[in-house]
Protein backbone atom coordinates (compact mmCIF):
# COMPACT_ATOMS: atom_id res chain seq x y z
CA MET A 1 0.20 -0.30 0.39
CA ALA A 2 1.38 3.38 -0.76
CA GLU A 3 1.08 6.44 1.59
CA GLU A 4 0.21 9.39 -0.43
CA PHE A 5 1.74 12.65 1.74
CA VAL A 6 0.88 16.26 1.36
CA SER A 7 2.99 18.62 1.89
CA ARG A 8 3.50 20.79 4.27
CA SER A 9 2.57 24.51 1.90
CA VAL A 10 -0.47 22.38 0.14
CA CYS A 11 -1.72 21.65 3.62
CA ASP A 12 -1.27 25.30 5.07
CA GLU A 13 -3.03 26.53 1.77
CA ARG A 14 -6.09 24.38 2.39
CA CYS A 15 -5.68 24.92 6.13
CA LYS A 16 -6.48 29.39 4.78
CA GLY A 17 -9.03 27.76 2.75
CA LEU A 18 -11.13 26.18 4.90
CA GLU A 19 -10.58 29.19 7.72
CA ALA A 20 -11.55 31.32 4.64
CA GLU A 21 -14.73 29.95 3.96
CA ASP A 22 -15.25 29.38 7.83
CA LYS A 23 -14.99 33.10 8.42
CA ARG A 24 -17.17 33.83 5.37
CA GLN A 25 -19.93 31.47 6.84
CA ASN A 26 -19.62 32.82 10.39
CA GLU A 27 -20.05 36.72 8.86
CA ARG A 28 -23.27 35.31 7.05
CA LEU A 29 -24.95 33.66 10.09
CA ASP A 30 -23.77 36.80 12.42
CA ASP A 31 -25.60 39.03 8.93
CA LEU A 32 -28.63 35.97 9.83
CA GLU A 33 -28.82 36.17 13.43
CA VAL A 34 -29.27 40.02 13.32
CA MET A 35 -31.89 39.66 10.32
CA VAL A 36 -34.16 37.47 12.38
CA ARG A 37 -33.52 40.09 15.46
CA GLN A 38 -35.06 42.82 13.36
CA ILE A 39 -37.95 40.43 11.79
CA ASN A 40 -38.32 39.18 15.69
CA SER A 41 -38.66 43.17 16.52
CA LEU A 42 -40.91 43.80 13.34
CA THR A 43 -43.33 40.81 14.42
CA VAL A 44 -43.81 42.34 18.01
CA SER A 45 -44.97 45.57 16.52
CA VAL A 46 -46.98 44.19 14.11
CA GLU A 47 -48.93 43.02 16.52
CA LYS A 48 -49.01 45.55 19.29
CA LEU A 49 -50.48 47.83 16.17
CA ALA A 50 -52.87 44.61 15.34
CA LEU A 51 -54.02 44.81 18.81
CA SER A 52 -54.39 48.84 19.26
CA MET A 53 -56.07 48.60 15.76
CA ASP A 54 -58.80 46.38 17.20
CA SER A 55 -59.00 48.53 19.86
CA MET A 56 -59.62 51.87 17.82
CA VAL A 57 -62.22 49.75 15.93
CA LYS A 58 -64.00 49.12 19.32
CA GLU A 59 -64.41 52.74 20.28
CA LEU A 60 -65.32 53.63 16.66
CA SER A 61 -68.15 51.34 17.86
CA GLU A 62 -69.46 52.50 19.92
CA GLN A 63 -68.78 56.38 19.07
CA SER A 64 -70.88 55.26 16.18
CA GLY A 65 -73.55 53.86 18.16
CA ARG A 66 -73.77 56.63 20.49
CA MET A 67 -73.82 58.91 17.73
CA ALA A 68 -77.25 57.27 15.58
CA LYS A 69 -78.50 57.84 19.36
CA LEU A 70 -77.71 61.51 19.75
CA GLU A 71 -78.59 61.76 16.22
CA GLY A 72 -82.10 59.91 16.74
CA ARG A 73 -83.07 62.27 19.85
CA ASP A 74 -82.66 65.30 17.79
CA GLY A 75 -84.91 63.79 14.94
CA GLU A 76 -87.22 62.76 17.83
CA ASN A 77 -87.34 66.23 19.17
CA TRP A 78 -87.68 67.73 15.81
CA LYS A 79 -91.19 65.85 14.90
CA LYS A 80 -92.25 66.50 18.47
CA VAL A 81 -92.12 70.42 17.73
CA VAL A 82 -93.21 69.65 14.29
CA GLY A 83 -96.40 67.51 15.70
CA GLY A 84 -97.49 69.95 17.80
CA ILE A 85 -97.39 73.04 15.37
CA ILE A 86 -99.64 70.58 13.28
CA THR A 87 -101.65 69.92 16.00
CA GLY A 88 -101.65 73.51 16.93
CA VAL A 89 -102.58 74.81 13.76
CA VAL A 90 -105.41 71.99 12.77
CA GLY A 91 -106.66 72.59 16.49
CA GLY A 92 -107.12 76.50 15.55
CA LEU A 93 -108.52 76.19 12.00
CA VAL A 94 -111.28 73.37 13.49
CA VAL A 95 -112.28 76.15 16.58
CA PHE A 96 -112.04 78.78 13.63
CA ALA A 97 -114.11 76.83 11.35
CA MET A 98 -116.58 75.85 14.31
CA GLY A 99 -116.73 79.43 15.34
CA LYS A 100 -117.60 80.23 11.45
CA LEU A 101 -120.73 77.56 11.41
CA GLY A 102 -122.39 79.00 14.64
CA PHE A 103 -120.87 76.29 17.56
CA PRO A 104 -120.28 78.38 20.40
CA VAL A 105 -116.20 78.07 21.20
């Protein structure tokens, strides 16, 4: 069996190549770790934003209900005023007509 030996310079050259590859991969891993942290931070921020939006939607819904109630109240009051005016005018016309027809008023 013949043994093959690699010269020291070839071995050193291969070691330098492996070390360079290790360094490159370590730098890529460091970059990936930074990106993962940034993505996690962004995910937390988006979750907080979603919760905030959810509470804002609930608050807007409650305010919309209160506003509709207030608008309805003004409409009801206006209807009462108009109804009172119409009742007064019709009552006055009836009294006027009864007076003209000779009914005691």
